[in-house]
Amino acid sequence: MADVGGSVQGGAEARRPVQAALGCGPSRESLQCVSLGDERGADPRTSRRADAHAPEEVEAMKRRVGLYARVSTSDQTPDNQLIALRAYATARDWSVIEFTDVGISGARERRPALDALLAAARARKVDAVACVRLDRLARSTHHLLTMARELEALGVDLVATEQAVDTTTPAGRLLFTVLGAIAEFERGLIRERVLSGVRRAKAAGIHCGRPRKYEVDATDVLALHSQGLSLSEIGRRLGNGHPVHPTVIRRTLRAAQSLDS
C-alpha cells in the first residue's frame, strides 16, 4: 500500500503503472462513456431499454384463447356465457377470439362455430379453448373425449370455468391424461364388442362386411371345376353376361373344398 500511495502521489509518469493496473488509464477509449439518447444526433432507437416491447409486440406475445358459447334454442342468449368467459380471459391477459353457436343442440357433433374453433386450433391460431361447462362443447362422452384428445395432440389447452377444468395447470394436464386413458379404454371395449359380433355372425353363416359384387353358388363352382374347366371359363359361365373374376372363383372354390374336408 505504501508503494501504491507513493505512486499515486507522484507525477504523471509515476501514476501510469497504477492506472494501468486499475484499468482506468487516461486513454480516451478506456474512459469514454456514452449515454445513449442523451447526445444530440444520437439514434433515438438506441435509447430504448433492451427489455422494452412495442404495444403490438406485447399483443402478439399474449396467449390466444378461443371462447366457445352455445345455446340450444334461438330464444336463449349466449351473452351470460360470453360475459363470464371474457372476464376470465381479461384476468389472465389473454387475447380473445369468440365462437358462438345459437339454436344448435349439443348432441350434434358438426356445428358451424365449433368446426371453426377446431379449424383455428389445427391452424395454430389459438393456444387455448375456454367454455363455461364441458357440456357446451359436447353432450356425448365419446365426442368430448375425442375432442380433448385432438386438442392435447395439438398442444391446445382446455378450460371450463365453472367446473375447475384448466389444463394450463399440472392438475389439468393430469385430467387430459385421464381422459385419454378413458378414451383408449372405451375404444378397446367397442372393438372387442364388434369382433365378438362378427365372430358370432360368421359362425351363423352370415356375411360380414361390404356386399359382395358377385353372388356365386359354391355347388355350381365345384361341379364345373370337376369337369376340368379353368377358373376363367367357370367365371364366364356363371357371370350371366358379366364374367366373374377368377379370384372370386378361386376363393369360392377354396371355401367349398375346406367345408367338404
C-alpha atoms as a PDB file:
ATOM      1  CA  MET A   1       0.000   0.000   0.000  1.00  0.00           C
ATOM      2  CA  ALA A   2       2.924   2.329   0.676  1.00  0.00           C
ATOM      3  CA  ASP A   3       4.198   1.827  -2.837  1.00  0.00           C
ATOM      4  CA  VAL A   4       0.769   2.440  -4.268  1.00  0.00           C
ATOM      5  CA  GLY A   5       0.313   5.586  -2.202  1.00  0.00           C
ATOM      6  CA  GLY A   6       3.631   6.849  -3.308  1.00  0.00           C
ATOM      7  CA  SER A   7       2.834   6.138  -6.902  1.00  0.00           C
ATOM      8  CA  VAL A   8      -0.447   7.946  -6.645  1.00  0.00           C
ATOM      9  CA  GLN A   9       1.189  10.989  -5.067  1.00  0.00           C
ATOM     10  CA  GLY A  10       3.925  11.072  -7.720  1.00  0.00           C
ATOM     11  CA  GLY A  11       3.840  12.682 -11.121  1.00  0.00           C
ATOM     12  CA  ALA A  12       2.120  11.585 -14.311  1.00  0.00           C
ATOM     13  CA  GLU A  13       4.891   9.101 -15.142  1.00  0.00           C
ATOM     14  CA  ALA A  14       4.534   7.549 -11.721  1.00  0.00           C
ATOM     15  CA  ARG A  15       0.776   7.293 -11.996  1.00  0.00           C
ATOM     16  CA  ARG A  16       0.754   5.300 -15.255  1.00  0.00           C
ATOM     17  CA  PRO A  17       1.606   1.883 -13.727  1.00  0.00           C
ATOM     18  CA  VAL A  18      -1.098   2.263 -11.086  1.00  0.00           C
ATOM     19  CA  GLN A  19      -3.681   3.414 -13.637  1.00  0.00           C
ATOM     20  CA  ALA A  20      -2.815   0.548 -15.913  1.00  0.00           C
ATOM     21  CA  ALA A  21      -3.191  -1.923 -13.046  1.00  0.00           C
ATOM     22  CA  LEU A  22      -6.571  -0.487 -12.060  1.00  0.00           C
ATOM     23  CA  GLY A  23      -7.854  -0.373 -15.662  1.00  0.00           C
ATOM     24  CA  CYS A  24      -8.517   3.362 -15.570  1.00  0.00           C
ATOM     25  CA  GLY A  25      -5.740   4.834 -17.649  1.00  0.00           C
ATOM     26  CA  PRO A  26      -6.030   8.204 -19.358  1.00  0.00           C
ATOM     27  CA  SER A  27      -6.759   6.643 -22.745  1.00  0.00           C
ATOM     28  CA  ARG A  28      -9.951   8.071 -24.191  1.00  0.00           C
ATOM     29  CA  GLU A  29     -11.041   4.672 -25.433  1.00  0.00           C
ATOM     30  CA  SER A  30     -10.917   3.179 -21.954  1.00  0.00           C
ATOM     31  CA  LEU A  31     -12.509   6.137 -20.186  1.00  0.00           C
ATOM     32  CA  GLN A  32     -15.091   7.218 -22.713  1.00  0.00           C
ATOM     33  CA  CYS A  33     -18.692   6.761 -21.523  1.00  0.00           C
ATOM     34  CA  VAL A  34     -21.590   7.207 -23.906  1.00  0.00           C
ATOM     35  CA  SER A  35     -25.054   7.979 -22.572  1.00  0.00           C
ATOM     36  CA  LEU A  36     -27.395   6.624 -25.232  1.00  0.00           C
ATOM     37  CA  GLY A  37     -30.138   9.033 -26.159  1.00  0.00           C
ATOM     38  CA  ASP A  38     -28.621  11.970 -24.289  1.00  0.00           C
ATOM     39  CA  GLU A  39     -26.384  13.344 -27.032  1.00  0.00           C
ATOM     40  CA  ARG A  40     -27.717  15.295 -29.937  1.00  0.00           C
ATOM     41  CA  GLY A  41     -27.711  13.433 -33.172  1.00  0.00           C
ATOM     42  CA  ALA A  42     -27.764  10.030 -31.450  1.00  0.00           C
ATOM     43  CA  ASP A  43     -30.003   7.350 -32.897  1.00  0.00           C
ATOM     44  CA  PRO A  44     -33.261   7.528 -30.858  1.00  0.00           C
ATOM     45  CA  ARG A  45     -33.755   3.791 -31.276  1.00  0.00           C
ATOM     46  CA  THR A  46     -30.746   3.150 -29.040  1.00  0.00           C
ATOM     47  CA  SER A  47     -32.500   4.860 -26.134  1.00  0.00           C
ATOM     48  CA  ARG A  48     -34.983   2.039 -25.764  1.00  0.00           C
ATOM     49  CA  ARG A  49     -34.456  -0.362 -22.933  1.00  0.00           C
ATOM     50  CA  ALA A  50     -33.433  -3.834 -24.032  1.00  0.00           C
ATOM     51  CA  ASP A  51     -36.403  -5.429 -22.322  1.00  0.00           C
ATOM     52  CA  ALA A  52     -38.995  -2.958 -23.619  1.00  0.00           C
ATOM     53  CA  HIS A  53     -41.546  -4.069 -26.206  1.00  0.00           C
ATOM     54  CA  ALA A  54     -43.771  -2.108 -28.515  1.00  0.00           C
ATOM     55  CA  PRO A  55     -47.529  -2.426 -27.862  1.00  0.00           C
ATOM     56  CA  GLU A  56     -48.018  -4.542 -30.975  1.00  0.00           C
ATOM     57  CA  GLU A  57     -45.230  -6.872 -29.822  1.00  0.00           C
ATOM     58  CA  VAL A  58     -46.841  -7.224 -26.401  1.00  0.00           C
ATOM     59  CA  GLU A  59     -50.173  -8.026 -28.054  1.00  0.00           C
ATOM     60  CA  ALA A  60     -48.520 -10.662 -30.239  1.00  0.00           C
ATOM     61  CA  MET A  61     -46.949 -12.267 -27.141  1.00  0.00           C
ATOM     62  CA  LYS A  62     -50.328 -12.755 -25.430  1.00  0.00           C
ATOM     63  CA  ARG A  63     -51.888 -16.203 -25.359  1.00  0.00           C
ATOM     64  CA  ARG A  64     -54.762 -16.534 -27.790  1.00  0.00           C
ATOM     65  CA  VAL A  65     -57.880 -18.170 -26.420  1.00  0.00           C
ATOM     66  CA  GLY A  66     -60.955 -19.263 -28.339  1.00  0.00           C
ATOM     67  CA  LEU A  67     -64.082 -18.580 -26.294  1.00  0.00           C
ATOM     68  CA  TYR A  68     -66.878 -21.007 -27.170  1.00  0.00           C
ATOM     69  CA  ALA A  69     -70.502 -20.430 -26.201  1.00  0.00           C
ATOM     70  CA  ARG A  70     -73.591 -22.390 -27.263  1.00  0.00           C
ATOM     71  CA  VAL A  71     -77.319 -22.237 -26.635  1.00  0.00           C
ATOM     72  CA  SER A  72     -79.779 -24.882 -27.806  1.00  0.00           C
ATOM     73  CA  THR A  73     -82.652 -22.604 -28.887  1.00  0.00           C
ATOM     74  CA  SER A  74     -82.865 -19.271 -30.636  1.00  0.00           C
ATOM     75  CA  ASP A  75     -84.868 -17.902 -27.694  1.00  0.00           C
ATOM     76  CA  GLN A  76     -81.804 -18.175 -25.459  1.00  0.00           C
ATOM     77  CA  THR A  77     -78.828 -15.838 -25.490  1.00  0.00           C
ATOM     78  CA  PRO A  78     -75.138 -16.763 -25.109  1.00  0.00           C
ATOM     79  CA  ASP A  79     -74.313 -13.405 -23.514  1.00  0.00           C
ATOM     80  CA  ASN A  80     -74.216 -14.808 -19.965  1.00  0.00           C
ATOM     81  CA  GLN A  81     -71.595 -17.338 -21.028  1.00  0.00           C
ATOM     82  CA  LEU A  82     -69.575 -14.806 -23.012  1.00  0.00           C
ATOM     83  CA  ILE A  83     -69.504 -12.267 -20.164  1.00  0.00           C
ATOM     84  CA  ALA A  84     -68.010 -14.842 -17.789  1.00  0.00           C
ATOM     85  CA  LEU A  85     -65.528 -16.055 -20.391  1.00  0.00           C
ATOM     86  CA  ARG A  86     -64.406 -12.530 -21.295  1.00  0.00           C
ATOM     87  CA  ALA A  87     -63.824 -11.721 -17.640  1.00  0.00           C
ATOM     88  CA  TYR A  88     -61.768 -14.885 -17.234  1.00  0.00           C
ATOM     89  CA  ALA A  89     -59.663 -14.076 -20.292  1.00  0.00           C
ATOM     90  CA  THR A  90     -59.179 -10.458 -19.191  1.00  0.00           C
ATOM     91  CA  ALA A  91     -57.982 -11.589 -15.757  1.00  0.00           C
ATOM     92  CA  ARG A  92     -55.330 -13.720 -17.444  1.00  0.00           C
ATOM     93  CA  ASP A  93     -54.448 -11.062 -20.025  1.00  0.00           C
ATOM     94  CA  TRP A  94     -55.337 -13.346 -22.935  1.00  0.00           C
ATOM     95  CA  SER A  95     -56.181 -12.293 -26.458  1.00  0.00           C
ATOM     96  CA  VAL A  96     -59.760 -13.333 -27.288  1.00  0.00           C
ATOM     97  CA  ILE A  97     -61.437 -14.899 -30.333  1.00  0.00           C
ATOM     98  CA  GLU A  98     -65.140 -15.698 -29.891  1.00  0.00           C
ATOM     99  CA  PHE A  99     -67.079 -18.616 -31.400  1.00  0.00           C
ATOM    100  CA  THR A 100     -70.839 -18.863 -30.811  1.00  0.00           C
ATOM    101  CA  ASP A 101     -73.452 -21.422 -31.859  1.00  0.00           C
ATOM    102  CA  VAL A 102     -77.076 -20.322 -31.414  1.00  0.00           C
ATOM    103  CA  GLY A 103     -80.039 -22.673 -31.695  1.00  0.00           C
ATOM    104  CA  ILE A 104     -77.938 -25.820 -32.157  1.00  0.00           C
ATOM    105  CA  SER A 105     -78.128 -28.888 -29.929  1.00  0.00           C
ATOM    106  CA  GLY A 106     -75.007 -30.162 -28.237  1.00  0.00           C
ATOM    107  CA  ALA A 107     -75.839 -33.658 -29.471  1.00  0.00           C
ATOM    108  CA  ARG A 108     -74.757 -32.590 -32.963  1.00  0.00           C
ATOM    109  CA  GLU A 109     -71.042 -33.146 -33.481  1.00  0.00           C
ATOM    110  CA  ARG A 110     -70.877 -30.838 -36.507  1.00  0.00           C
ATOM    111  CA  ARG A 111     -71.669 -27.221 -35.652  1.00  0.00           C
ATOM    112  CA  PRO A 112     -70.530 -24.139 -37.601  1.00  0.00           C
ATOM    113  CA  ALA A 113     -68.829 -22.283 -34.745  1.00  0.00           C
ATOM    114  CA  LEU A 114     -67.380 -25.444 -33.191  1.00  0.00           C
ATOM    115  CA  ASP A 115     -65.997 -26.523 -36.560  1.00  0.00           C
ATOM    116  CA  ALA A 116     -64.441 -23.067 -36.987  1.00  0.00           C
ATOM    117  CA  LEU A 117     -62.925 -23.278 -33.493  1.00  0.00           C
ATOM    118  CA  LEU A 118     -61.350 -26.675 -34.186  1.00  0.00           C
ATOM    119  CA  ALA A 119     -60.092 -25.423 -37.553  1.00  0.00           C
ATOM    120  CA  ALA A 120     -58.441 -22.472 -35.786  1.00  0.00           C
ATOM    121  CA  ALA A 121     -56.844 -24.866 -33.298  1.00  0.00           C
ATOM    122  CA  ARG A 122     -55.496 -27.040 -36.125  1.00  0.00           C
ATOM    123  CA  ALA A 123     -54.125 -23.922 -37.837  1.00  0.00           C
ATOM    124  CA  ARG A 124     -52.370 -22.903 -34.579  1.00  0.00           C
ATOM    125  CA  LYS A 125     -54.439 -19.712 -34.359  1.00  0.00           C
ATOM    126  CA  VAL A 126     -55.498 -20.352 -30.745  1.00  0.00           C
ATOM    127  CA  ASP A 127     -53.478 -21.582 -27.777  1.00  0.00           C
ATOM    128  CA  ALA A 128     -56.424 -22.487 -25.552  1.00  0.00           C
ATOM    129  CA  VAL A 129     -60.150 -23.246 -25.726  1.00  0.00           C
ATOM    130  CA  ALA A 130     -62.433 -21.936 -22.993  1.00  0.00           C
ATOM    131  CA  CYS A 131     -66.088 -22.612 -22.222  1.00  0.00           C
ATOM    132  CA  VAL A 132     -68.212 -22.294 -19.119  1.00  0.00           C
ATOM    133  CA  ARG A 133     -69.023 -26.041 -18.933  1.00  0.00           C
ATOM    134  CA  LEU A 134     -67.910 -29.058 -20.894  1.00  0.00           C
ATOM    135  CA  ASP A 135     -71.488 -29.809 -21.986  1.00  0.00           C
ATOM    136  CA  ARG A 136     -71.325 -26.626 -24.077  1.00  0.00           C
ATOM    137  CA  LEU A 137     -68.683 -28.356 -26.205  1.00  0.00           C
ATOM    138  CA  ALA A 138     -70.254 -31.814 -26.354  1.00  0.00           C
ATOM    139  CA  ARG A 139     -73.083 -33.818 -24.800  1.00  0.00           C
ATOM    140  CA  SER A 140     -71.654 -37.170 -25.856  1.00  0.00           C
ATOM    141  CA  THR A 141     -68.831 -38.570 -23.735  1.00  0.00           C
ATOM    142  CA  HIS A 142     -67.254 -40.090 -26.837  1.00  0.00           C
ATOM    143  CA  HIS A 143     -67.348 -36.770 -28.693  1.00  0.00           C
ATOM    144  CA  LEU A 144     -65.885 -34.907 -25.733  1.00  0.00           C
ATOM    145  CA  LEU A 145     -63.071 -37.419 -25.260  1.00  0.00           C
ATOM    146  CA  THR A 146     -62.266 -37.379 -28.980  1.00  0.00           C
ATOM    147  CA  MET A 147     -62.120 -33.584 -28.965  1.00  0.00           C
ATOM    148  CA  ALA A 148     -59.990 -33.494 -25.817  1.00  0.00           C
ATOM    149  CA  ARG A 149     -57.585 -35.989 -27.349  1.00  0.00           C
ATOM    150  CA  GLU A 150     -57.220 -33.894 -30.500  1.00  0.00           C
ATOM    151  CA  LEU A 151     -56.652 -30.687 -28.526  1.00  0.00           C
ATOM    152  CA  GLU A 152     -53.991 -32.436 -26.467  1.00  0.00           C
ATOM    153  CA  ALA A 153     -52.231 -33.607 -29.638  1.00  0.00           C
ATOM    154  CA  LEU A 154     -52.327 -30.029 -30.979  1.00  0.00           C
ATOM    155  CA  GLY A 155     -50.936 -28.608 -27.740  1.00  0.00           C
ATOM    156  CA  VAL A 156     -54.084 -26.567 -27.117  1.00  0.00           C
ATOM    157  CA  ASP A 157     -55.268 -26.190 -23.522  1.00  0.00           C
ATOM    158  CA  LEU A 158     -58.869 -26.686 -22.430  1.00  0.00           C
ATOM    159  CA  VAL A 159     -60.599 -24.574 -19.775  1.00  0.00           C
ATOM    160  CA  ALA A 160     -64.090 -24.953 -18.290  1.00  0.00           C
ATOM    161  CA  THR A 161     -64.512 -22.002 -15.949  1.00  0.00           C
ATOM    162  CA  GLU A 162     -67.439 -23.343 -13.884  1.00  0.00           C
ATOM    163  CA  GLN A 163     -66.052 -26.872 -13.480  1.00  0.00           C
ATOM    164  CA  ALA A 164     -62.481 -26.172 -12.368  1.00  0.00           C
ATOM    165  CA  VAL A 165     -61.089 -27.752 -15.533  1.00  0.00           C
ATOM    166  CA  ASP A 166     -57.887 -25.995 -16.571  1.00  0.00           C
ATOM    167  CA  THR A 167     -55.178 -27.857 -18.444  1.00  0.00           C
ATOM    168  CA  THR A 168     -52.774 -24.923 -18.125  1.00  0.00           C
ATOM    169  CA  THR A 169     -52.128 -26.278 -14.602  1.00  0.00           C
ATOM    170  CA  PRO A 170     -50.492 -29.597 -13.589  1.00  0.00           C
ATOM    171  CA  ALA A 171     -53.827 -30.884 -12.271  1.00  0.00           C
ATOM    172  CA  GLY A 172     -55.468 -30.016 -15.576  1.00  0.00           C
ATOM    173  CA  ARG A 173     -52.781 -31.819 -17.563  1.00  0.00           C
ATOM    174  CA  LEU A 174     -53.395 -34.850 -15.381  1.00  0.00           C
ATOM    175  CA  LEU A 175     -57.051 -34.606 -16.373  1.00  0.00           C
ATOM    176  CA  PHE A 176     -56.053 -34.736 -20.051  1.00  0.00           C
ATOM    177  CA  THR A 177     -54.074 -37.910 -19.353  1.00  0.00           C
ATOM    178  CA  VAL A 178     -57.048 -39.479 -17.566  1.00  0.00           C
ATOM    179  CA  LEU A 179     -59.396 -38.502 -20.399  1.00  0.00           C
ATOM    180  CA  GLY A 180     -57.020 -40.055 -22.914  1.00  0.00           C
ATOM    181  CA  ALA A 181     -56.863 -43.286 -20.908  1.00  0.00           C
ATOM    182  CA  ILE A 182     -60.659 -43.417 -20.698  1.00  0.00           C
ATOM    183  CA  ALA A 183     -60.943 -42.845 -24.451  1.00  0.00           C
ATOM    184  CA  GLU A 184     -58.473 -45.650 -25.168  1.00  0.00           C
ATOM    185  CA  PHE A 185     -60.346 -47.963 -22.800  1.00  0.00           C
ATOM    186  CA  GLU A 186     -63.642 -47.135 -24.499  1.00  0.00           C
ATOM    187  CA  ARG A 187     -62.172 -47.794 -27.955  1.00  0.00           C
ATOM    188  CA  GLY A 188     -60.904 -51.166 -26.736  1.00  0.00           C
ATOM    189  CA  LEU A 189     -64.345 -52.133 -25.440  1.00  0.00           C
ATOM    190  CA  ILE A 190     -66.033 -51.097 -28.698  1.00  0.00           C
ATOM    191  CA  ARG A 191     -63.505 -53.059 -30.763  1.00  0.00           C
ATOM    192  CA  GLU A 192     -63.986 -56.177 -28.647  1.00  0.00           C
ATOM    193  CA  ARG A 193     -67.779 -55.958 -28.960  1.00  0.00           C
ATOM    194  CA  VAL A 194     -67.514 -55.546 -32.742  1.00  0.00           C
ATOM    195  CA  LEU A 195     -65.162 -58.507 -33.140  1.00  0.00           C
ATOM    196  CA  SER A 196     -67.372 -60.641 -30.931  1.00  0.00           C
ATOM    197  CA  GLY A 197     -70.418 -59.815 -33.059  1.00  0.00           C
ATOM    198  CA  VAL A 198     -68.526 -60.574 -36.280  1.00  0.00           C
ATOM    199  CA  ARG A 199     -67.421 -63.960 -34.976  1.00  0.00           C
ATOM    200  CA  ARG A 200     -70.957 -64.822 -33.924  1.00  0.00           C
ATOM    201  CA  ALA A 201     -72.365 -63.758 -37.317  1.00  0.00           C
ATOM    202  CA  LYS A 202     -69.769 -65.743 -39.247  1.00  0.00           C
ATOM    203  CA  ALA A 203     -70.497 -68.822 -37.139  1.00  0.00           C
ATOM    204  CA  ALA A 204     -74.170 -68.468 -38.127  1.00  0.00           C
ATOM    205  CA  GLY A 205     -73.238 -68.224 -41.816  1.00  0.00           C
ATOM    206  CA  ILE A 206     -73.967 -64.510 -42.124  1.00  0.00           C
ATOM    207  CA  HIS A 207     -71.771 -62.480 -44.457  1.00  0.00           C
ATOM    208  CA  CYS A 208     -69.974 -59.617 -42.720  1.00  0.00           C
ATOM    209  CA  GLY A 209     -68.540 -56.609 -44.450  1.00  0.00           C
ATOM    210  CA  ARG A 210     -69.442 -54.820 -47.642  1.00  0.00           C
ATOM    211  CA  PRO A 211     -71.887 -56.530 -50.047  1.00  0.00           C
ATOM    212  CA  ARG A 212     -70.362 -58.994 -52.471  1.00  0.00           C
ATOM    213  CA  LYS A 213     -70.105 -57.830 -56.042  1.00  0.00           C
ATOM    214  CA  TYR A 214     -70.643 -61.363 -57.337  1.00  0.00           C
ATOM    215  CA  GLU A 215     -73.103 -63.904 -55.993  1.00  0.00           C
ATOM    216  CA  VAL A 216     -71.640 -67.309 -56.874  1.00  0.00           C
ATOM    217  CA  ASP A 217     -73.078 -70.671 -55.867  1.00  0.00           C
ATOM    218  CA  ALA A 218     -70.331 -72.871 -54.437  1.00  0.00           C
ATOM    219  CA  THR A 219     -72.089 -76.035 -55.706  1.00  0.00           C
ATOM    220  CA  ASP A 220     -72.006 -74.785 -59.305  1.00  0.00           C
ATOM    221  CA  VAL A 221     -68.333 -73.859 -58.942  1.00  0.00           C
ATOM    222  CA  LEU A 222     -67.456 -77.343 -57.684  1.00  0.00           C
ATOM    223  CA  ALA A 223     -69.462 -79.016 -60.478  1.00  0.00           C
ATOM    224  CA  LEU A 224     -67.787 -77.002 -63.241  1.00  0.00           C
ATOM    225  CA  HIS A 225     -64.361 -77.376 -61.685  1.00  0.00           C
ATOM    226  CA  SER A 226     -64.820 -81.172 -61.599  1.00  0.00           C
ATOM    227  CA  GLN A 227     -65.281 -81.045 -65.402  1.00  0.00           C
ATOM    228  CA  GLY A 228     -61.738 -79.686 -65.742  1.00  0.00           C
ATOM    229  CA  LEU A 229     -62.743 -76.129 -66.700  1.00  0.00           C
ATOM    230  CA  SER A 230     -60.394 -73.255 -65.940  1.00  0.00           C
ATOM    231  CA  LEU A 231     -61.244 -70.539 -63.429  1.00  0.00           C
ATOM    232  CA  SER A 232     -61.769 -68.004 -66.215  1.00  0.00           C
ATOM    233  CA  GLU A 233     -64.142 -70.321 -68.054  1.00  0.00           C
ATOM    234  CA  ILE A 234     -66.109 -71.001 -64.866  1.00  0.00           C
ATOM    235  CA  GLY A 235     -66.386 -67.256 -64.332  1.00  0.00           C
ATOM    236  CA  ARG A 236     -67.695 -66.691 -67.851  1.00  0.00           C
ATOM    237  CA  ARG A 237     -70.338 -69.403 -67.479  1.00  0.00           C
ATOM    238  CA  LEU A 238     -71.551 -68.195 -64.089  1.00  0.00           C
ATOM    239  CA  GLY A 239     -71.447 -64.477 -64.853  1.00  0.00           C
ATOM    240  CA  ASN A 240     -74.660 -64.197 -66.919  1.00  0.00           C
ATOM    241  CA  GLY A 241     -73.058 -61.852 -69.422  1.00  0.00           C
ATOM    242  CA  HIS A 242     -70.708 -60.298 -66.824  1.00  0.00           C
ATOM    243  CA  PRO A 243     -67.795 -62.668 -66.225  1.00  0.00           C
ATOM    244  CA  VAL A 244     -66.923 -63.318 -62.612  1.00  0.00           C
ATOM    245  CA  HIS A 245     -63.320 -62.547 -61.781  1.00  0.00           C
ATOM    246  CA  PRO A 246     -61.118 -65.666 -61.426  1.00  0.00           C
ATOM    247  CA  THR A 247     -60.048 -64.536 -57.948  1.00  0.00           C
ATOM    248  CA  VAL A 248     -63.666 -64.784 -56.776  1.00  0.00           C
ATOM    249  CA  ILE A 249     -63.976 -68.271 -58.300  1.00  0.00           C
ATOM    250  CA  ARG A 250     -60.739 -69.354 -56.607  1.00  0.00           C
ATOM    251  CA  ARG A 251     -61.874 -68.002 -53.230  1.00  0.00           C
ATOM    252  CA  THR A 252     -65.279 -69.701 -53.534  1.00  0.00           C
ATOM    253  CA  LEU A 253     -63.658 -72.962 -54.561  1.00  0.00           C
ATOM    254  CA  ARG A 254     -61.266 -72.945 -51.617  1.00  0.00           C
ATOM    255  CA  ALA A 255     -64.081 -72.205 -49.166  1.00  0.00           C
ATOM    256  CA  ALA A 256     -66.216 -75.038 -50.579  1.00  0.00           C
ATOM    257  CA  GLN A 257     -63.330 -77.508 -50.520  1.00  0.00           C
ATOM    258  CA  SER A 258     -62.481 -76.603 -46.900  1.00  0.00           C
ATOM    259  CA  LEU A 259     -66.091 -77.241 -45.907  1.00  0.00           C
ATOM    260  CA  ASP A 260     -66.102 -80.636 -47.648  1.00  0.00           C
ATOM    261  CA  SER A 261     -62.917 -81.641 -45.899  1.00  0.00           C
END
